Structure formats: structure tokens, C-alpha cells
Amino acid sequence: MATFPSPNITSSLPPSRAWQQLIRAHDRIFSDANKLSLKHLVIRLSIAGFVLHLALILLARSLANPPVVLAALGTNYLTAISTPFNFILFYEVLTLIAAVPASTTRSIANQFEIVSLIFIRDVFKNLAIIGGFHGQHFTRQTIPFYIDMGASLAMYFVVALFQYIAHRAVVPMDTEARSRGLQRFIAQKKVVAIGLAILLIGMAAYNFGIFSIHVERLLASGHNSPLEHMTTYYNDLFNVMIFTDVLVLILSLNVSGRYEMVFRNAAFVVSIILLRFSLTETAPYGAPLALLAMAFGVLTLLLYNFHMQIERDNPNN
């Protein structure tokens, strides 16, 4: 997980009482104690979901004529691996919301992490499909799986590289005006994070409702069809994050309107748009597109640091 330092706002809050209450509400909701409790809850749910999924598959394999919902789960134990990943992915979404006020690079890194976890989850899902080929594990049909597997590993490396470069960012020279602008920017991002949390949790509830309706219709029809992953939620998530990142880009003008900062944040938005496209691309093009988006973000950050170093070395130019 990304662990970039988060500025702490302790003074110079906007004068509005409602504004200050929203910021205090953010600090209470996203406190370290609450985040730790959430992590423990996700661990328990992941274990419980994993064990339950394995038990249901065992039941489906044991019965001669299993119920429709059990049959829809499949009979391959490897499919159960994706269940804990769904809980972990949702935890990453909440971590992403908490990262919004911390720093732009940390927020982008979290979005990279979510996409890499989506693709590695799909690798597990496709392992179950390949397992049914009975010895023919390297065919034209399995090539997209190996591409996704290699791309997922490359994404892991790129995310680590992005974090490494972010930790060695050149900090702009502090001034009183920049300090006031930074405090105002952080306060605004905390309010954005609260709105984002409400929206994304509402979207999750809506998608779960759609999934429940699908299960109900499956039971009513009696047709045996597999239950698909709720990938629509993550597509919608990145749609929301594109507009959130644009809003943060506009708000960042409170801190600096310098060319290099504006270009960096705009390039990050381009990277997130490409990530969104990668989630709806057909195999095997989605994973390489996601990798290209992450590489673009890494190169952007590297050039930004280079630019900032030049500015620091030549302050009078």
C-alpha cells in the first residue's frame, strides 16, 4: 500500500462553521482507529467469504442435482479465491477515499493498486477456466490469461516504481502564501473525500442490489448460468475518479498555478482515463493498456521531479 506522508491541517481553516464541521467529521470518520477496525473487519469477512465459498462448491460437487444458485457458483475450487479479493478490493476503494486529502501522488498510487488487484483477481478467475482444459494449458485460448498474468506482475513493479519516485519528490520552497494555500487545499479535499465516500458506498449498495435481483431472477427462472463478478462497480468507480481528479486539479491552483504542477496533475487524469478504458477492453488488450497508463503516470512523475530539481537549482531563472 502507498504510504506517502500526509500534511496535517491544524489552523487557518475556512471561517464557515459548516465547513469546519465537515472537516472535523472527516477526521473522525477516517481516524487511525477507524481505519484499523475496518482492516480487521475486512480480514474477517475475507476469511469467512473464502470458507463459505469453498463450502458451497463442495456442496455443489456432492449433490447430484444441486440448486440453481449452487450450480451457478461452479464446481472448481479455484473460483473461490476471487471471493476474498472482492472484499480486499472494496477495502482498497475505501483506502483510496482516505488518501484523497493526503496527496495527489498517494491517491494516484492507490488507483494504480486497485487496477492491478482487479487484474490479478481475474488471473485467479481464469485459472479456474484453464483448469477445465484437462492438460491443454497452453493453447490459443489460454494466451490472454498468460498475458494478463505477466501484465499484472509488471503492474506490481510499476506501482512500486511510482511510489519510489514519489517518496523522492523535490519539495517546492515553502512560503507563507503557499502554506495558506496548502492548508485551504487540504481542507477542500477533505470535504471532497466525504462526498466521494457517500457516493461510492451508495454505488456499492446499488450494485449489490442489482446482483441480488440477478440471483432472485436466476432462482425464479431455474436456468443454470454462472454468477459473474460485479465489474460494473469498478468501471463506475473510475468514471467517478476521473471527475474527482479533475476537481482536485482545479483546487490545486490554491497551492500553485505553475506550469509543471498543472501539467503533472493533468497528465495523471489522462492516466486514470486510460485505466478506465482498460477495464472494458476485451482480452488481451485490457492489461497492456492498463500497464501503459501506469507507465505514463510514472514517466510524468519522473519528469515532474526533474523539472522541480531544475527550478530548485536555478531559483533566479
Protein backbone atom coordinates (compact mmCIF):
# COMPACT_ATOMS: atom_id res chain seq x y z
CA MET A 1 0.00 0.00 0.00
CA ALA A 2 1.08 3.54 -0.65
CA THR A 3 2.35 5.33 2.46
CA PHE A 4 3.16 8.86 1.43
CA PRO A 5 3.24 11.45 4.22
CA SER A 6 0.03 13.39 4.74
CA PRO A 7 0.11 17.08 5.63
CA ASN A 8 -1.68 17.89 8.86
CA ILE A 9 -4.07 20.83 8.88
CA THR A 10 -4.34 22.39 12.34
CA SER A 11 -5.11 26.01 11.65
CA SER A 12 -6.28 28.53 9.10
CA LEU A 13 -9.49 26.66 8.41
CA PRO A 14 -12.16 28.40 6.36
CA PRO A 15 -14.37 30.58 8.61
CA SER A 16 -17.65 28.79 7.83
CA ARG A 17 -18.88 26.74 10.79
CA ALA A 18 -20.47 24.15 8.50
CA TRP A 19 -17.19 23.84 6.62
CA GLN A 20 -15.27 23.23 9.84
CA GLN A 21 -17.83 20.64 10.95
CA LEU A 22 -17.37 18.75 7.68
CA ILE A 23 -13.61 18.73 8.17
CA ARG A 24 -13.94 17.50 11.76
CA ALA A 25 -16.37 14.82 10.56
CA HIS A 26 -13.77 13.68 8.02
CA ASP A 27 -11.09 13.46 10.72
CA ARG A 28 -13.40 11.38 12.93
CA ILE A 29 -14.56 9.05 10.15
CA PHE A 30 -11.06 8.48 8.75
CA SER A 31 -9.27 8.32 12.08
CA ASP A 32 -6.47 5.78 12.53
CA ALA A 33 -8.63 3.78 14.97
CA ASN A 34 -11.50 3.51 12.48
CA LYS A 35 -9.15 2.52 9.65
CA LEU A 36 -7.61 -0.19 11.84
CA SER A 37 -11.06 -1.51 12.80
CA LEU A 38 -12.07 -1.55 9.14
CA LYS A 39 -8.95 -3.51 8.23
CA HIS A 40 -9.72 -6.15 10.88
CA LEU A 41 -13.34 -6.36 9.66
CA VAL A 42 -12.21 -6.88 6.06
CA ILE A 43 -9.83 -9.65 7.15
CA ARG A 44 -12.65 -11.45 8.97
CA LEU A 45 -15.07 -11.03 6.06
CA SER A 46 -12.45 -12.23 3.57
CA ILE A 47 -11.78 -15.39 5.58
CA ALA A 48 -15.49 -16.04 6.14
CA GLY A 49 -16.33 -15.45 2.48
CA PHE A 50 -13.50 -17.71 1.33
CA VAL A 51 -14.52 -20.56 3.62
CA LEU A 52 -18.21 -20.17 2.76
CA HIS A 53 -17.49 -20.17 -0.99
CA LEU A 54 -15.38 -23.33 -0.66
CA ALA A 55 -18.14 -24.99 1.38
CA LEU A 56 -20.79 -24.12 -1.22
CA ILE A 57 -18.62 -25.50 -4.03
CA LEU A 58 -18.12 -28.70 -2.02
CA LEU A 59 -21.88 -28.94 -1.59
CA ALA A 60 -22.47 -28.34 -5.30
CA ARG A 61 -19.99 -31.11 -6.17
CA SER A 62 -21.56 -33.50 -3.68
CA LEU A 63 -25.19 -33.16 -4.79
CA ALA A 64 -26.46 -34.96 -7.87
CA ASN A 65 -28.82 -32.11 -8.74
CA PRO A 66 -27.67 -29.01 -6.86
CA PRO A 67 -29.94 -25.95 -6.62
CA VAL A 68 -29.59 -23.37 -9.37
CA VAL A 69 -27.62 -20.87 -7.27
CA LEU A 70 -25.16 -23.54 -6.14
CA ALA A 71 -24.70 -24.76 -9.69
CA ALA A 72 -24.08 -21.17 -10.82
CA LEU A 73 -21.11 -20.95 -8.43
CA GLY A 74 -19.37 -23.68 -10.42
CA THR A 75 -17.56 -26.77 -9.24
CA ASN A 76 -13.94 -25.62 -9.43
CA TYR A 77 -12.43 -24.77 -6.05
CA LEU A 78 -10.10 -22.20 -7.64
CA THR A 79 -13.05 -19.88 -8.28
CA ALA A 80 -13.34 -19.36 -4.50
CA ILE A 81 -10.04 -17.47 -4.50
CA SER A 82 -11.71 -14.47 -6.13
CA THR A 83 -14.14 -14.03 -3.21
CA PRO A 84 -11.64 -12.65 -0.63
CA PHE A 85 -10.19 -10.47 -3.39
CA ASN A 86 -13.58 -8.78 -3.79
CA PHE A 87 -13.50 -7.77 -0.11
CA ILE A 88 -9.90 -6.63 -0.41
CA LEU A 89 -10.74 -4.58 -3.50
CA PHE A 90 -13.56 -2.79 -1.70
CA TYR A 91 -11.18 -2.08 1.20
CA GLU A 92 -8.78 -0.57 -1.33
CA VAL A 93 -11.61 1.67 -2.55
CA LEU A 94 -12.14 2.97 0.99
CA THR A 95 -8.37 3.41 1.35
CA LEU A 96 -8.42 5.41 -1.86
CA ILE A 97 -11.06 7.75 -0.41
CA ALA A 98 -8.96 8.24 2.72
CA ALA A 99 -5.93 9.03 0.54
CA VAL A 100 -7.60 11.90 -1.34
CA PRO A 101 -6.68 14.63 1.20
CA ALA A 102 -3.19 13.25 1.83
CA SER A 103 -1.50 13.91 -1.51
CA THR A 104 -2.23 13.66 -5.21
CA THR A 105 0.52 11.10 -5.77
CA ARG A 106 -0.78 8.87 -3.00
CA SER A 107 -4.31 8.99 -4.45
CA ILE A 108 -3.00 8.09 -7.92
CA ALA A 109 -0.90 5.26 -6.46
CA ASN A 110 -4.00 3.84 -4.76
CA GLN A 111 -5.88 3.88 -8.07
CA PHE A 112 -2.98 2.03 -9.69
CA GLU A 113 -3.12 -0.54 -6.88
CA ILE A 114 -6.85 -1.11 -7.34
CA VAL A 115 -6.45 -1.78 -11.07
CA SER A 116 -3.53 -4.16 -10.51
CA LEU A 117 -5.61 -6.08 -7.94
CA ILE A 118 -8.54 -6.27 -10.37
CA PHE A 119 -6.30 -7.88 -12.98
CA ILE A 120 -4.64 -10.30 -10.54
CA ARG A 121 -8.13 -11.26 -9.30
CA ASP A 122 -9.10 -12.03 -12.89
CA VAL A 123 -5.99 -14.19 -13.20
CA PHE A 124 -7.38 -16.39 -10.41
CA LYS A 125 -10.78 -16.47 -12.11
CA ASN A 126 -9.20 -17.54 -15.40
CA LEU A 127 -7.10 -20.19 -13.64
CA ALA A 128 -10.33 -21.99 -12.87
CA ILE A 129 -11.28 -21.88 -16.56
CA ILE A 130 -7.87 -23.18 -17.66
CA GLY A 131 -8.15 -25.95 -15.09
CA GLY A 132 -11.06 -27.35 -17.08
CA PHE A 133 -8.98 -27.84 -20.23
CA HIS A 134 -7.63 -31.19 -18.93
CA GLY A 135 -3.96 -30.92 -19.75
CA GLN A 136 -4.20 -28.43 -22.61
CA HIS A 137 -2.95 -25.49 -20.58
CA PHE A 138 -1.10 -23.65 -23.33
CA THR A 139 -3.37 -23.10 -26.30
CA ARG A 140 -4.53 -20.12 -28.32
CA GLN A 141 -7.45 -19.75 -25.90
CA THR A 142 -5.17 -19.52 -22.86
CA ILE A 143 -2.75 -16.94 -24.30
CA PRO A 144 -4.81 -13.96 -22.93
CA PHE A 145 -4.52 -15.50 -19.47
CA TYR A 146 -0.71 -15.57 -19.63
CA ILE A 147 -0.67 -12.02 -20.98
CA ASP A 148 -2.80 -10.86 -18.03
CA MET A 149 -0.55 -12.74 -15.61
CA GLY A 150 2.61 -11.13 -16.98
CA ALA A 151 0.99 -7.69 -17.17
CA SER A 152 -0.21 -7.99 -13.55
CA LEU A 153 3.33 -8.68 -12.38
CA ALA A 154 4.59 -5.73 -14.43
CA MET A 155 1.88 -3.52 -12.86
CA TYR A 156 3.13 -4.53 -9.41
CA PHE A 157 6.62 -3.38 -10.39
CA VAL A 158 5.33 -0.11 -11.90
CA VAL A 159 3.30 0.70 -8.77
CA ALA A 160 6.41 0.15 -6.63
CA LEU A 161 8.43 2.34 -9.00
CA PHE A 162 5.79 5.09 -8.81
CA GLN A 163 5.92 5.02 -5.00
CA TYR A 164 9.73 5.07 -5.03
CA ILE A 165 9.79 8.16 -7.26
CA ALA A 166 7.03 9.85 -5.22
CA HIS A 167 8.99 9.40 -1.99
CA ARG A 168 11.93 11.20 -3.59
CA ALA A 169 9.89 14.11 -4.86
CA VAL A 170 11.53 17.52 -4.71
CA VAL A 171 9.51 19.63 -2.26
CA PRO A 172 8.84 23.17 -3.51
CA MET A 173 10.25 26.01 -1.44
CA ASP A 174 7.75 26.94 1.28
CA THR A 175 6.33 30.43 1.50
CA GLU A 176 3.60 31.94 3.67
CA ALA A 177 1.24 32.20 0.70
CA ARG A 178 1.91 28.60 -0.34
CA SER A 179 1.40 27.38 3.23
CA ARG A 180 -2.01 29.10 3.45
CA GLY A 181 -2.96 27.75 0.03
CA LEU A 182 -1.89 24.22 1.02
CA GLN A 183 -4.00 24.30 4.18
CA ARG A 184 -7.02 25.50 2.23
CA PHE A 185 -6.40 22.83 -0.44
CA ILE A 186 -6.24 20.02 2.13
CA ALA A 187 -9.43 21.26 3.79
CA GLN A 188 -11.22 21.28 0.43
CA LYS A 189 -10.01 17.78 -0.38
CA LYS A 190 -11.35 16.52 2.96
CA VAL A 191 -14.79 17.79 2.03
CA VAL A 192 -14.41 16.16 -1.40
CA ALA A 193 -13.47 12.87 0.33
CA ILE A 194 -16.67 12.91 2.40
CA GLY A 195 -18.79 13.42 -0.71
CA LEU A 196 -16.81 10.73 -2.53
CA ALA A 197 -17.32 8.26 0.32
CA ILE A 198 -21.09 8.80 0.29
CA LEU A 199 -21.24 8.42 -3.49
CA LEU A 200 -19.07 5.29 -3.75
CA ILE A 201 -20.76 3.50 -0.84
CA GLY A 202 -24.13 4.35 -2.41
CA MET A 203 -22.90 2.94 -5.74
CA ALA A 204 -21.75 -0.23 -3.97
CA ALA A 205 -25.18 -0.64 -2.36
CA TYR A 206 -26.86 -0.11 -5.75
CA ASN A 207 -24.63 -2.70 -7.47
CA PHE A 208 -25.25 -5.19 -4.67
CA GLY A 209 -28.97 -4.63 -5.15
CA ILE A 210 -28.62 -5.35 -8.88
CA PHE A 211 -26.65 -8.51 -8.05
CA SER A 212 -29.35 -9.62 -5.61
CA ILE A 213 -32.03 -9.10 -8.26
CA HIS A 214 -29.96 -11.20 -10.67
CA VAL A 215 -29.79 -14.02 -8.12
CA GLU A 216 -33.53 -13.77 -7.50
CA ARG A 217 -34.28 -13.99 -11.23
CA LEU A 218 -31.89 -16.92 -11.52
CA LEU A 219 -33.84 -18.76 -8.83
CA ALA A 220 -37.17 -17.91 -10.45
CA SER A 221 -36.12 -18.96 -13.97
CA GLY A 222 -34.30 -22.13 -12.98
CA HIS A 223 -31.64 -21.54 -15.65
CA ASN A 224 -28.12 -22.61 -14.79
CA SER A 225 -25.87 -19.67 -15.67
CA PRO A 226 -22.66 -18.57 -13.89
CA LEU A 227 -22.68 -15.66 -11.48
CA GLU A 228 -20.35 -13.02 -12.89
CA HIS A 229 -18.16 -10.62 -10.95
CA MET A 230 -19.62 -7.20 -10.27
CA THR A 231 -17.09 -5.48 -12.52
CA THR A 232 -19.54 -2.71 -13.38
CA TYR A 233 -18.90 -1.14 -9.98
CA TYR A 234 -15.20 -0.69 -10.66
CA ASN A 235 -15.92 0.75 -14.10
CA ASP A 236 -18.21 3.30 -12.46
CA LEU A 237 -15.61 3.90 -9.73
CA PHE A 238 -13.03 5.06 -12.25
CA ASN A 239 -15.60 7.20 -14.03
CA VAL A 240 -16.13 8.98 -10.70
CA MET A 241 -12.40 9.19 -10.01
CA ILE A 242 -11.76 10.84 -13.39
CA PHE A 243 -14.04 13.75 -12.46
CA THR A 244 -12.72 13.77 -8.88
CA ASP A 245 -9.15 14.08 -10.14
CA VAL A 246 -10.19 16.92 -12.45
CA LEU A 247 -11.81 18.69 -9.47
CA VAL A 248 -8.63 18.19 -7.41
CA LEU A 249 -6.63 19.57 -10.34
CA ILE A 250 -8.72 22.75 -10.27
CA LEU A 251 -8.50 23.05 -6.49
CA SER A 252 -4.71 22.57 -6.63
CA LEU A 253 -4.46 26.07 -8.09
CA ASN A 254 -4.85 27.22 -4.46
CA VAL A 255 -1.34 25.89 -3.89
CA SER A 256 0.33 26.61 -7.19
CA GLY A 257 -0.64 27.54 -10.70
CA ARG A 258 2.83 26.81 -12.03
CA TYR A 259 3.07 25.01 -15.35
CA GLU A 260 4.81 21.89 -14.05
CA MET A 261 2.20 21.29 -11.33
CA VAL A 262 -0.76 21.81 -13.66
CA PHE A 263 0.78 19.59 -16.35
CA ARG A 264 1.57 16.82 -13.84
CA ASN A 265 -1.97 16.72 -12.47
CA ALA A 266 -3.50 16.90 -15.96
CA ALA A 267 -1.29 14.01 -17.09
CA PHE A 268 -2.41 11.99 -14.06
CA VAL A 269 -6.02 12.49 -15.21
CA VAL A 270 -5.07 11.13 -18.65
CA SER A 271 -3.53 8.11 -16.93
CA ILE A 272 -6.73 7.42 -14.96
CA ILE A 273 -8.86 7.76 -18.12
CA LEU A 274 -6.69 5.12 -19.80
CA LEU A 275 -7.08 2.88 -16.74
CA ARG A 276 -10.86 3.24 -17.05
CA PHE A 277 -10.66 2.20 -20.71
CA SER A 278 -8.54 -0.82 -19.78
CA LEU A 279 -11.31 -2.26 -17.60
CA THR A 280 -13.73 -2.51 -20.52
CA GLU A 281 -11.28 -3.64 -23.20
CA THR A 282 -11.58 -7.23 -24.37
CA ALA A 283 -8.73 -9.66 -23.68
CA PRO A 284 -5.84 -9.47 -24.23
CA TYR A 285 -5.81 -5.68 -24.74
CA GLY A 286 -7.03 -4.52 -21.32
CA ALA A 287 -3.96 -5.42 -19.27
CA PRO A 288 -1.38 -3.89 -21.68
CA LEU A 289 -3.47 -0.71 -21.83
CA ALA A 290 -3.54 -0.53 -18.02
CA LEU A 291 0.21 -1.06 -17.94
CA LEU A 292 0.68 1.74 -20.50
CA ALA A 293 -1.46 4.07 -18.35
CA MET A 294 0.64 3.33 -15.26
CA ALA A 295 3.91 3.75 -17.17
CA PHE A 296 2.64 7.11 -18.41
CA GLY A 297 1.98 8.14 -14.79
CA VAL A 298 5.45 7.03 -13.69
CA LEU A 299 7.14 8.93 -16.53
CA THR A 300 5.06 12.02 -15.73
CA LEU A 301 6.12 11.96 -12.09
CA LEU A 302 9.76 11.36 -13.02
CA LEU A 303 9.80 14.34 -15.37
CA TYR A 304 7.98 16.48 -12.80
CA ASN A 305 10.67 15.72 -10.19
CA PHE A 306 13.36 16.50 -12.77
CA HIS A 307 11.67 19.81 -13.57
CA MET A 308 11.36 20.71 -9.89
CA GLN A 309 15.02 19.91 -9.30
CA ILE A 310 15.98 22.31 -12.09
CA GLU A 311 13.82 25.01 -10.51
CA ARG A 312 15.41 24.45 -7.10
CA ASP A 313 18.95 24.51 -8.51
CA ASN A 314 18.25 27.69 -10.50
CA PRO A 315 15.83 29.74 -8.34
CA ASN A 316 16.55 33.02 -10.17
CA ASN A 317 15.71 31.70 -13.66
